[in-house]
C-alpha atoms as a PDB file:
ATOM      1  CA  MET A   1      25.836  55.526   5.580  1.00  0.00           C
ATOM      2  CA  SER A   2      26.804  53.014   8.234  1.00  0.00           C
ATOM      3  CA  ARG A   3      26.619  54.450  11.751  1.00  0.00           C
ATOM      4  CA  SER A   4      28.573  53.359  14.782  1.00  0.00           C
ATOM      5  CA  PHE A   5      26.839  52.421  18.013  1.00  0.00           C
ATOM      6  CA  ILE A   6      27.826  51.457  21.506  1.00  0.00           C
ATOM      7  CA  LYS A   7      25.859  48.952  23.556  1.00  0.00           C
ATOM      8  CA  MET A   8      25.581  49.899  27.239  1.00  0.00           C
ATOM      9  CA  ASN A   9      23.422  49.028  30.199  1.00  0.00           C
ATOM     10  CA  GLY A  10      22.472  50.366  33.586  1.00  0.00           C
ATOM     11  CA  LEU A  11      21.786  47.404  35.871  1.00  0.00           C
ATOM     12  CA  GLY A  12      20.852  45.269  32.861  1.00  0.00           C
ATOM     13  CA  ASN A  13      18.479  47.880  31.430  1.00  0.00           C
ATOM     14  CA  ASP A  14      20.227  47.948  28.049  1.00  0.00           C
ATOM     15  CA  PHE A  15      20.582  50.409  25.194  1.00  0.00           C
ATOM     16  CA  VAL A  16      21.956  50.737  21.693  1.00  0.00           C
ATOM     17  CA  ILE A  17      23.376  54.268  21.594  1.00  0.00           C
ATOM     18  CA  VAL A  18      23.903  55.804  18.147  1.00  0.00           C
ATOM     19  CA  GLN A  19      26.288  58.738  17.968  1.00  0.00           C
ATOM     20  CA  PRO A  20      25.662  61.986  16.061  1.00  0.00           C
ATOM     21  CA  GLY A  21      26.579  61.857  12.381  1.00  0.00           C
ATOM     22  CA  ALA A  22      26.835  64.220   9.451  1.00  0.00           C
ATOM     23  CA  ASP A  23      23.195  63.470   8.651  1.00  0.00           C
ATOM     24  CA  PRO A  24      20.423  63.214  11.239  1.00  0.00           C
ATOM     25  CA  PHE A  25      19.360  59.678  12.136  1.00  0.00           C
ATOM     26  CA  GLU A  26      15.571  59.548  12.290  1.00  0.00           C
ATOM     27  CA  PRO A  27      14.676  55.865  12.650  1.00  0.00           C
ATOM     28  CA  THR A  28      11.221  54.752  11.624  1.00  0.00           C
ATOM     29  CA  PRO A  29       9.248  52.633  14.107  1.00  0.00           C
ATOM     30  CA  ASP A  30      10.102  49.566  12.017  1.00  0.00           C
ATOM     31  CA  GLN A  31      13.815  50.397  12.099  1.00  0.00           C
ATOM     32  CA  ALA A  32      13.748  50.993  15.850  1.00  0.00           C
ATOM     33  CA  ARG A  33      12.006  47.663  16.386  1.00  0.00           C
ATOM     34  CA  GLU A  34      14.535  45.939  14.117  1.00  0.00           C
ATOM     35  CA  ILE A  35      17.510  47.300  16.050  1.00  0.00           C
ATOM     36  CA  CYS A  36      15.948  46.451  19.424  1.00  0.00           C
ATOM     37  CA  ASP A  37      14.972  42.930  18.356  1.00  0.00           C
ATOM     38  CA  ARG A  38      16.910  40.456  20.525  1.00  0.00           C
ATOM     39  CA  ILE A  39      16.843  37.668  17.934  1.00  0.00           C
ATOM     40  CA  ASP A  40      17.520  39.345  14.590  1.00  0.00           C
ATOM     41  CA  GLY A  41      18.796  42.760  15.713  1.00  0.00           C
ATOM     42  CA  VAL A  42      21.372  44.089  18.145  1.00  0.00           C
ATOM     43  CA  GLY A  43      18.880  43.613  20.972  1.00  0.00           C
ATOM     44  CA  CYS A  44      18.018  46.151  23.662  1.00  0.00           C
ATOM     45  CA  ASP A  45      15.269  47.732  25.718  1.00  0.00           C
ATOM     46  CA  GLN A  46      15.662  51.141  24.078  1.00  0.00           C
ATOM     47  CA  LEU A  47      17.360  52.718  21.085  1.00  0.00           C
ATOM     48  CA  ILE A  48      19.104  55.984  21.993  1.00  0.00           C
ATOM     49  CA  VAL A  49      19.988  58.494  19.280  1.00  0.00           C
ATOM     50  CA  LEU A  50      22.381  61.307  20.187  1.00  0.00           C
ATOM     51  CA  GLU A  51      22.171  64.733  18.570  1.00  0.00           C
ATOM     52  CA  PRO A  52      23.940  68.080  19.033  1.00  0.00           C
ATOM     53  CA  SER A  53      22.244  70.396  21.517  1.00  0.00           C
ATOM     54  CA  GLU A  54      22.145  74.164  21.832  1.00  0.00           C
ATOM     55  CA  LYS A  55      21.088  73.865  25.474  1.00  0.00           C
ATOM     56  CA  ALA A  56      23.308  71.113  26.865  1.00  0.00           C
ATOM     57  CA  ASN A  57      26.374  68.994  26.157  1.00  0.00           C
ATOM     58  CA  ILE A  58      24.283  66.530  24.129  1.00  0.00           C
ATOM     59  CA  ARG A  59      20.691  65.733  23.266  1.00  0.00           C
ATOM     60  CA  MET A  60      19.317  62.207  23.536  1.00  0.00           C
ATOM     61  CA  ARG A  61      16.190  60.806  21.932  1.00  0.00           C
ATOM     62  CA  VAL A  62      14.624  57.540  23.021  1.00  0.00           C
ATOM     63  CA  TRP A  63      12.773  54.828  21.108  1.00  0.00           C
ATOM     64  CA  ASN A  64      11.249  51.919  22.995  1.00  0.00           C
ATOM     65  CA  ALA A  65      11.494  48.347  21.758  1.00  0.00           C
ATOM     66  CA  ASP A  66       7.981  48.620  20.288  1.00  0.00           C
ATOM     67  CA  GLY A  67       9.197  51.405  17.971  1.00  0.00           C
ATOM     68  CA  GLY A  68       7.537  54.298  19.776  1.00  0.00           C
ATOM     69  CA  GLU A  69       9.500  57.424  20.678  1.00  0.00           C
ATOM     70  CA  VAL A  70       9.270  58.534  24.313  1.00  0.00           C
ATOM     71  CA  ALA A  71      10.511  61.556  26.222  1.00  0.00           C
ATOM     72  CA  ILE A  72      13.034  60.151  28.667  1.00  0.00           C
ATOM     73  CA  CYS A  73      14.830  57.136  30.123  1.00  0.00           C
ATOM     74  CA  GLY A  74      16.678  57.533  33.410  1.00  0.00           C
ATOM     75  CA  ASN A  75      19.184  54.696  33.090  1.00  0.00           C
ATOM     76  CA  ALA A  76      19.920  55.666  29.486  1.00  0.00           C
ATOM     77  CA  ALA A  77      20.613  59.226  30.646  1.00  0.00           C
ATOM     78  CA  ARG A  78      23.164  57.850  33.113  1.00  0.00           C
ATOM     79  CA  CYS A  79      24.835  55.819  30.336  1.00  0.00           C
ATOM     80  CA  VAL A  80      24.957  58.769  27.945  1.00  0.00           C
ATOM     81  CA  ALA A  81      26.320  61.022  30.694  1.00  0.00           C
ATOM     82  CA  TRP A  82      29.035  58.487  31.560  1.00  0.00           C
ATOM     83  CA  LEU A  83      30.000  58.194  27.902  1.00  0.00           C
ATOM     84  CA  PHE A  84      30.504  61.930  27.557  1.00  0.00           C
ATOM     85  CA  MET A  85      32.216  62.331  30.893  1.00  0.00           C
ATOM     86  CA  GLN A  86      34.690  59.589  29.965  1.00  0.00           C
ATOM     87  CA  ALA A  87      35.305  60.918  26.463  1.00  0.00           C
ATOM     88  CA  GLY A  88      35.595  64.512  27.644  1.00  0.00           C
ATOM     89  CA  LYS A  89      37.554  63.726  30.822  1.00  0.00           C
ATOM     90  CA  ARG A  90      34.961  65.612  32.846  1.00  0.00           C
ATOM     91  CA  GLY A  91      32.976  64.843  35.970  1.00  0.00           C
ATOM     92  CA  HIS A  92      29.831  66.717  35.041  1.00  0.00           C
ATOM     93  CA  VAL A  93      27.587  67.060  31.970  1.00  0.00           C
ATOM     94  CA  TRP A  94      24.144  68.250  30.921  1.00  0.00           C
ATOM     95  CA  VAL A  95      21.874  66.031  28.826  1.00  0.00           C
ATOM     96  CA  GLU A  96      18.909  67.410  26.915  1.00  0.00           C
ATOM     97  CA  THR A  97      15.778  65.248  26.659  1.00  0.00           C
ATOM     98  CA  ALA A  98      12.247  65.872  25.454  1.00  0.00           C
ATOM     99  CA  ALA A  99      11.289  66.018  29.136  1.00  0.00           C
ATOM    100  CA  GLY A 100      13.862  68.738  29.960  1.00  0.00           C
ATOM    101  CA  LEU A 101      17.509  69.181  30.877  1.00  0.00           C
ATOM    102  CA  LEU A 102      19.190  66.637  33.128  1.00  0.00           C
ATOM    103  CA  GLU A 103      22.353  67.291  35.119  1.00  0.00           C
ATOM    104  CA  ALA A 104      24.677  64.349  35.695  1.00  0.00           C
ATOM    105  CA  PHE A 105      27.777  63.750  37.815  1.00  0.00           C
ATOM    106  CA  LYS A 106      30.324  60.986  38.217  1.00  0.00           C
ATOM    107  CA  ALA A 107      31.220  59.928  41.745  1.00  0.00           C
ATOM    108  CA  PRO A 108      34.687  58.740  42.854  1.00  0.00           C
ATOM    109  CA  ASP A 109      33.409  55.153  42.985  1.00  0.00           C
ATOM    110  CA  GLY A 110      32.489  55.312  39.271  1.00  0.00           C
ATOM    111  CA  THR A 111      28.733  55.458  39.724  1.00  0.00           C
ATOM    112  CA  VAL A 112      26.769  58.053  37.790  1.00  0.00           C
ATOM    113  CA  THR A 113      24.182  60.302  39.410  1.00  0.00           C
ATOM    114  CA  VAL A 114      21.536  62.087  37.387  1.00  0.00           C
ATOM    115  CA  ASP A 115      19.318  64.863  38.707  1.00  0.00           C
ATOM    116  CA  MET A 116      15.911  63.943  37.305  1.00  0.00           C
ATOM    117  CA  GLY A 117      14.291  67.196  38.410  1.00  0.00           C
ATOM    118  CA  ALA A 118      11.102  67.486  40.417  1.00  0.00           C
ATOM    119  CA  PRO A 119       8.418  64.804  40.097  1.00  0.00           C
ATOM    120  CA  ARG A 120       5.113  65.882  38.607  1.00  0.00           C
ATOM    121  CA  LEU A 121       2.193  64.880  40.769  1.00  0.00           C
ATOM    122  CA  GLU A 122      -0.880  66.604  39.342  1.00  0.00           C
ATOM    123  CA  TRP A 123      -3.306  64.288  37.544  1.00  0.00           C
ATOM    124  CA  SER A 124      -2.948  66.318  34.351  1.00  0.00           C
ATOM    125  CA  ASP A 125       0.853  65.961  34.439  1.00  0.00           C
ATOM    126  CA  ILE A 126       0.851  62.152  34.549  1.00  0.00           C
ATOM    127  CA  PRO A 127      -1.454  62.393  32.532  1.00  0.00           C
ATOM    128  CA  LEU A 128      -4.617  60.676  33.744  1.00  0.00           C
ATOM    129  CA  ALA A 129      -7.864  60.568  31.802  1.00  0.00           C
ATOM    130  CA  SER A 130      -9.746  62.612  34.411  1.00  0.00           C
ATOM    131  CA  PRO A 131      -9.097  64.395  37.732  1.00  0.00           C
ATOM    132  CA  MET A 132      -7.968  61.917  40.402  1.00  0.00           C
ATOM    133  CA  ASN A 133      -5.882  61.952  43.567  1.00  0.00           C
ATOM    134  CA  THR A 134      -2.448  60.718  42.477  1.00  0.00           C
ATOM    135  CA  LEU A 135      -1.579  59.782  46.059  1.00  0.00           C
ATOM    136  CA  GLU A 136      -3.817  56.721  45.683  1.00  0.00           C
ATOM    137  CA  LEU A 137      -5.956  55.947  42.665  1.00  0.00           C
ATOM    138  CA  ASP A 138      -9.203  54.076  42.955  1.00  0.00           C
ATOM    139  CA  LEU A 139      -7.789  51.136  41.021  1.00  0.00           C
ATOM    140  CA  ARG A 140      -7.490  47.732  42.631  1.00  0.00           C
ATOM    141  CA  VAL A 141      -5.537  44.669  41.487  1.00  0.00           C
ATOM    142  CA  GLU A 142      -4.814  41.315  43.080  1.00  0.00           C
ATOM    143  CA  SER A 143      -2.181  41.206  45.836  1.00  0.00           C
ATOM    144  CA  ALA A 144      -1.775  44.999  45.959  1.00  0.00           C
ATOM    145  CA  LYS A 145      -2.282  46.893  49.200  1.00  0.00           C
ATOM    146  CA  GLY A 146      -4.824  49.547  48.277  1.00  0.00           C
ATOM    147  CA  GLY A 147      -4.741  51.648  45.145  1.00  0.00           C
ATOM    148  CA  PRO A 148      -1.542  52.703  43.367  1.00  0.00           C
ATOM    149  CA  GLY A 149       0.236  56.024  43.465  1.00  0.00           C
ATOM    150  CA  CYS A 150       0.949  57.932  40.268  1.00  0.00           C
ATOM    151  CA  VAL A 151       4.073  59.949  39.459  1.00  0.00           C
ATOM    152  CA  SER A 152       5.490  61.497  36.306  1.00  0.00           C
ATOM    153  CA  MET A 153       9.274  61.613  36.035  1.00  0.00           C
ATOM    154  CA  GLY A 154       8.944  62.959  32.499  1.00  0.00           C
ATOM    155  CA  ASN A 155       7.069  59.744  31.704  1.00  0.00           C
ATOM    156  CA  PRO A 156       3.970  58.263  33.366  1.00  0.00           C
ATOM    157  CA  HIS A 157       4.304  55.788  36.249  1.00  0.00           C
ATOM    158  CA  VAL A 158       1.772  53.919  38.342  1.00  0.00           C
ATOM    159  CA  VAL A 159       3.142  52.206  41.477  1.00  0.00           C
ATOM    160  CA  PHE A 160       1.382  49.400  43.346  1.00  0.00           C
ATOM    161  CA  PHE A 161       2.562  48.346  46.816  1.00  0.00           C
ATOM    162  CA  VAL A 162       2.723  44.615  47.571  1.00  0.00           C
ATOM    163  CA  ASP A 163       3.910  42.345  50.369  1.00  0.00           C
ATOM    164  CA  ASN A 164       6.129  40.224  48.124  1.00  0.00           C
ATOM    165  CA  VAL A 165       7.312  41.556  44.776  1.00  0.00           C
ATOM    166  CA  ASP A 166       8.494  38.085  43.730  1.00  0.00           C
ATOM    167  CA  VAL A 167       4.892  36.894  43.337  1.00  0.00           C
ATOM    168  CA  ALA A 168       3.407  40.200  42.168  1.00  0.00           C
ATOM    169  CA  PRO A 169       1.387  39.898  38.915  1.00  0.00           C
ATOM    170  CA  VAL A 170       3.833  41.984  36.895  1.00  0.00           C
ATOM    171  CA  GLU A 171       3.748  39.925  33.713  1.00  0.00           C
ATOM    172  CA  SER A 172       0.080  38.973  33.880  1.00  0.00           C
ATOM    173  CA  LEU A 173      -1.335  42.435  34.660  1.00  0.00           C
ATOM    174  CA  GLY A 174       1.438  44.681  33.360  1.00  0.00           C
ATOM    175  CA  PRO A 175       0.328  44.624  29.700  1.00  0.00           C
ATOM    176  CA  TRP A 176      -3.273  45.383  30.697  1.00  0.00           C
ATOM    177  CA  LEU A 177      -2.389  48.155  33.133  1.00  0.00           C
ATOM    178  CA  GLU A 178       0.090  49.723  30.687  1.00  0.00           C
ATOM    179  CA  LYS A 179      -2.810  50.428  28.318  1.00  0.00           C
ATOM    180  CA  HIS A 180      -5.558  50.985  30.882  1.00  0.00           C
ATOM    181  CA  GLN A 181      -8.109  53.622  29.904  1.00  0.00           C
ATOM    182  CA  ARG A 182      -7.094  55.790  32.856  1.00  0.00           C
ATOM    183  CA  PHE A 183      -3.679  56.352  31.259  1.00  0.00           C
ATOM    184  CA  PRO A 184      -4.262  58.021  27.875  1.00  0.00           C
ATOM    185  CA  GLU A 185      -0.525  57.961  27.048  1.00  0.00           C
ATOM    186  CA  GLY A 186       0.022  54.529  28.576  1.00  0.00           C
ATOM    187  CA  ALA A 187       1.948  53.916  31.789  1.00  0.00           C
ATOM    188  CA  ASN A 188       5.008  52.250  33.238  1.00  0.00           C
ATOM    189  CA  VAL A 189       3.686  49.817  35.833  1.00  0.00           C
ATOM    190  CA  GLY A 190       5.674  49.267  39.013  1.00  0.00           C
ATOM    191  CA  PHE A 191       5.162  46.790  41.848  1.00  0.00           C
ATOM    192  CA  ALA A 192       7.058  47.842  44.975  1.00  0.00           C
ATOM    193  CA  GLN A 193       7.765  45.980  48.214  1.00  0.00           C
ATOM    194  CA  ILE A 194       8.769  48.104  51.192  1.00  0.00           C
ATOM    195  CA  VAL A 195      11.546  46.182  52.953  1.00  0.00           C
ATOM    196  CA  SER A 196      12.402  48.985  55.396  1.00  0.00           C
ATOM    197  CA  PRO A 197      12.273  52.791  55.495  1.00  0.00           C
ATOM    198  CA  GLU A 198      15.589  52.713  53.621  1.00  0.00           C
ATOM    199  CA  ARG A 199      15.009  49.901  51.106  1.00  0.00           C
ATOM    200  CA  ILE A 200      12.494  49.124  48.360  1.00  0.00           C
ATOM    201  CA  ARG A 201      12.312  46.066  46.107  1.00  0.00           C
ATOM    202  CA  LEU A 202      10.891  46.849  42.681  1.00  0.00           C
ATOM    203  CA  ARG A 203       9.777  45.176  39.470  1.00  0.00           C
ATOM    204  CA  VAL A 204       8.557  47.212  36.518  1.00  0.00           C
ATOM    205  CA  TRP A 205       6.586  46.500  33.385  1.00  0.00           C
ATOM    206  CA  GLU A 206       7.918  49.256  31.115  1.00  0.00           C
ATOM    207  CA  ARG A 207       5.636  50.954  28.628  1.00  0.00           C
ATOM    208  CA  GLY A 208       6.562  49.835  25.129  1.00  0.00           C
ATOM    209  CA  VAL A 209       9.222  47.401  26.381  1.00  0.00           C
ATOM    210  CA  GLY A 210       7.799  44.885  28.841  1.00  0.00           C
ATOM    211  CA  LEU A 211       9.432  43.441  31.938  1.00  0.00           C
ATOM    212  CA  THR A 212      12.913  44.925  32.379  1.00  0.00           C
ATOM    213  CA  ARG A 213      15.799  44.128  34.709  1.00  0.00           C
ATOM    214  CA  ALA A 214      15.783  47.718  35.962  1.00  0.00           C
ATOM    215  CA  CYS A 215      13.935  50.975  35.339  1.00  0.00           C
ATOM    216  CA  GLY A 216      15.550  54.220  36.463  1.00  0.00           C
ATOM    217  CA  THR A 217      12.520  56.486  36.280  1.00  0.00           C
ATOM    218  CA  GLY A 218      10.513  53.632  37.811  1.00  0.00           C
ATOM    219  CA  ALA A 219      12.874  53.566  40.803  1.00  0.00           C
ATOM    220  CA  CYS A 220      12.439  57.333  41.197  1.00  0.00           C
ATOM    221  CA  ALA A 221       8.663  57.038  40.953  1.00  0.00           C
ATOM    222  CA  ALA A 222       8.595  54.221  43.514  1.00  0.00           C
ATOM    223  CA  LEU A 223      10.579  56.273  46.034  1.00  0.00           C
ATOM    224  CA  VAL A 224       8.350  59.323  45.539  1.00  0.00           C
ATOM    225  CA  ALA A 225       5.101  57.340  45.726  1.00  0.00           C
ATOM    226  CA  ALA A 226       6.267  55.515  48.855  1.00  0.00           C
ATOM    227  CA  GLN A 227       7.541  58.651  50.578  1.00  0.00           C
ATOM    228  CA  ARG A 228       4.260  60.467  49.934  1.00  0.00           C
ATOM    229  CA  ARG A 229       2.523  57.715  51.922  1.00  0.00           C
ATOM    230  CA  GLY A 230       5.070  57.788  54.732  1.00  0.00           C
ATOM    231  CA  LEU A 231       6.402  54.315  53.916  1.00  0.00           C
ATOM    232  CA  VAL A 232      10.045  55.356  53.438  1.00  0.00           C
ATOM    233  CA  GLY A 233      12.289  58.336  54.061  1.00  0.00           C
ATOM    234  CA  ARG A 234      13.478  60.726  51.396  1.00  0.00           C
ATOM    235  CA  ARG A 235      16.391  58.489  50.445  1.00  0.00           C
ATOM    236  CA  ALA A 236      16.397  54.745  49.884  1.00  0.00           C
ATOM    237  CA  VAL A 237      18.099  51.914  48.062  1.00  0.00           C
ATOM    238  CA  VAL A 238      15.853  50.594  45.295  1.00  0.00           C
ATOM    239  CA  GLU A 239      16.622  46.971  44.569  1.00  0.00           C
ATOM    240  CA  THR A 240      15.839  45.674  41.065  1.00  0.00           C
ATOM    241  CA  GLU A 241      16.547  42.382  39.353  1.00  0.00           C
ATOM    242  CA  GLY A 242      19.637  43.936  37.779  1.00  0.00           C
ATOM    243  CA  GLY A 243      21.037  45.558  40.919  1.00  0.00           C
ATOM    244  CA  GLU A 244      20.629  48.536  43.194  1.00  0.00           C
ATOM    245  CA  LEU A 245      19.997  52.234  42.612  1.00  0.00           C
ATOM    246  CA  ILE A 246      20.240  54.909  45.278  1.00  0.00           C
ATOM    247  CA  VAL A 247      17.378  57.370  44.980  1.00  0.00           C
ATOM    248  CA  GLU A 248      16.900  60.586  46.946  1.00  0.00           C
ATOM    249  CA  TRP A 249      13.977  63.012  46.812  1.00  0.00           C
ATOM    250  CA  ARG A 250      15.913  66.050  47.934  1.00  0.00           C
ATOM    251  CA  GLU A 251      14.028  68.222  50.392  1.00  0.00           C
ATOM    252  CA  SER A 252      15.883  71.454  49.592  1.00  0.00           C
ATOM    253  CA  ASP A 253      14.594  71.773  46.027  1.00  0.00           C
ATOM    254  CA  GLY A 254      12.253  68.831  45.481  1.00  0.00           C
ATOM    255  CA  HIS A 255      14.510  67.231  42.869  1.00  0.00           C
ATOM    256  CA  VAL A 256      14.917  63.472  42.569  1.00  0.00           C
ATOM    257  CA  LEU A 257      18.489  62.153  42.311  1.00  0.00           C
ATOM    258  CA  MET A 258      19.316  58.676  41.076  1.00  0.00           C
ATOM    259  CA  ALA A 259      22.740  57.014  41.330  1.00  0.00           C
ATOM    260  CA  GLY A 260      24.054  53.686  40.105  1.00  0.00           C
ATOM    261  CA  PRO A 261      26.594  51.879  37.917  1.00  0.00           C
ATOM    262  CA  VAL A 262      26.769  51.662  34.132  1.00  0.00           C
ATOM    263  CA  GLU A 263      28.488  49.143  31.874  1.00  0.00           C
ATOM    264  CA  VAL A 264      29.831  49.080  28.319  1.00  0.00           C
ATOM    265  CA  GLU A 265      28.982  45.823  26.537  1.00  0.00           C
ATOM    266  CA  PHE A 266      30.336  46.221  23.001  1.00  0.00           C
ATOM    267  CA  THR A 267      30.580  48.517  19.979  1.00  0.00           C
ATOM    268  CA  GLY A 268      29.538  47.951  16.380  1.00  0.00           C
ATOM    269  CA  ARG A 269      28.120  49.541  13.249  1.00  0.00           C
ATOM    270  CA  LEU A 270      24.640  49.782  11.800  1.00  0.00           C
ATOM    271  CA  PRO A 271      24.727  49.183   8.016  1.00  0.00           C
ATOM    272  CA  ASP A 272      22.565  51.094   5.570  1.00  0.00           C
ATOM    273  CA  SER A 273      19.754  48.576   5.886  1.00  0.00           C
ATOM    274  CA  VAL A 274      19.769  49.019   9.695  1.00  0.00           C
ATOM    275  CA  SER A 275      20.202  45.249   9.888  1.00  0.00           C
ATOM    276  CA  PRO A 276      23.071  45.130  12.400  1.00  0.00           C
ATOM    277  CA  GLU A 277      26.324  43.473  11.470  1.00  0.00           C
ATOM    278  CA  PRO A 278      27.812  41.136  14.074  1.00  0.00           C
ATOM    279  CA  ALA A 279      29.722  42.994  16.748  1.00  0.00           C
ATOM    280  CA  LEU A 280      32.407  41.565  18.983  1.00  0.00           C
ATOM    281  CA  PRO A 281      32.050  42.121  22.733  1.00  0.00           C
ATOM    282  CA  ALA A 282      34.391  44.702  24.191  1.00  0.00           C
ATOM    283  CA  ARG A 283      37.394  43.074  25.821  1.00  0.00           C
ATOM    284  CA  ARG A 284      37.370  43.097  29.583  1.00  0.00           C
ATOM    285  CA  GLY A 285      38.689  46.389  30.863  1.00  0.00           C
ATOM    286  CA  ASP A 286      38.115  48.117  27.520  1.00  0.00           C
ATOM    287  CA  SER A 287      35.329  50.421  28.666  1.00  0.00           C
ATOM    288  CA  GLN A 288      37.622  53.464  28.658  1.00  0.00           C
ATOM    289  CA  VAL A 289      38.962  52.523  25.216  1.00  0.00           C
ATOM    290  CA  ALA A 290      35.431  52.131  23.889  1.00  0.00           C
ATOM    291  CA  ALA A 291      34.401  55.478  25.342  1.00  0.00           C
ATOM    292  CA  ASN A 292      37.459  57.199  23.905  1.00  0.00           C
ATOM    293  CA  ASP A 293      37.024  55.642  20.456  1.00  0.00           C
ATOM    294  CA  TYR A 294      33.312  56.290  20.392  1.00  0.00           C
ATOM    295  CA  GLY A 295      33.605  59.794  21.736  1.00  0.00           C
ATOM    296  CA  ALA A 296      36.508  60.823  19.537  1.00  0.00           C
ATOM    297  CA  SER A 297      34.218  61.973  16.729  1.00  0.00           C
ATOM    298  CA  MET A 298      31.750  63.729  19.021  1.00  0.00           C
ATOM    299  CA  ASP A 299      31.674  67.479  19.355  1.00  0.00           C
ATOM    300  CA  TYR A 300      31.915  67.591  23.147  1.00  0.00           C
ATOM    301  CA  ASP A 301      30.371  70.856  24.340  1.00  0.00           C
ATOM    302  CA  ASP A 302      32.113  72.016  27.510  1.00  0.00           C
ATOM    303  CA  ARG A 303      30.109  75.190  28.088  1.00  0.00           C
ATOM    304  CA  HIS A 304      28.649  73.677  31.245  1.00  0.00           C
ATOM    305  CA  SER A 305      31.350  72.896  33.778  1.00  0.00           C
ATOM    306  CA  GLY A 306      31.834  72.631  37.504  1.00  0.00           C
ATOM    307  CA  ALA A 307      29.176  71.075  39.695  1.00  0.00           C
ATOM    308  CA  PRO A 308      28.342  70.324  43.293  1.00  0.00           C
ATOM    309  CA  ASP A 309      27.963  66.664  44.167  1.00  0.00           C
ATOM    310  CA  PRO A 310      24.209  65.925  44.255  1.00  0.00           C
ATOM    311  CA  PHE A 311      24.721  63.440  47.066  1.00  0.00           C
ATOM    312  CA  ARG A 312      26.825  65.908  49.026  1.00  0.00           C
ATOM    313  CA  ARG A 313      30.016  63.870  48.805  1.00  0.00           C
ATOM    314  CA  ALA A 314      33.289  65.695  49.319  1.00  0.00           C
END
């Protein structure tokens, strides 16, 4: 059966989001790679499959462009949350992931904030191959200032600090570091430049994807790793190639909050072969129409309602 999808992005980090259907959609690695392929497929960083949830408004599963399923994607969670908030005319939703429940809110300016929960900082939570101090690993690469910090935001991140992220060896060393023996489940590799205590510039080689225009969990990991070393405060703007995210490591409960814009690109259908048919871009200003049309067939679960603003806005 042909399934509808919506193409969205968060700061250029883009996703094909497949809605729940009568039958579960369980793509094989080959099918996920085919959909993500930017030449012969729809083209995206990650394939997102939505499913009903008994714990939240919706459950999302994530396949990287290499066909591997992973636990979480921060920018995708913001896109999924926006989609359901628009379709359900709500300002707050819960999203279930393999890494846990995420709470999301829509701000008056249209940005979407997701509460990513508390970062995991023990070596076994990353995970690393053996006990190590995640504040600074004994791992040196060219142009980096000391060893990297390690953080899990539901997925493993290693963050190197550099003087100039524009010349950091992201593409040359990223593939090697992603599969380094110290990271038994692989790693997302970030290179961060501290511009000021309130601003970080970041480039990320994403596990199973490659160089991306933005990485939401990578932005969270960069803020946490930098704050642990006293390089930034608990809240900063993280600047990526695709735009800016606001990240806060909240002192009251240790949760990391990430806020930024999302965008609808177009809608389409996946045929039985999972070889995508051509899809026309959404007309300018049609994001609400696309959300309404796409969300019309979804069973929006409104058990979870009412929410404080995570960034304390009135």
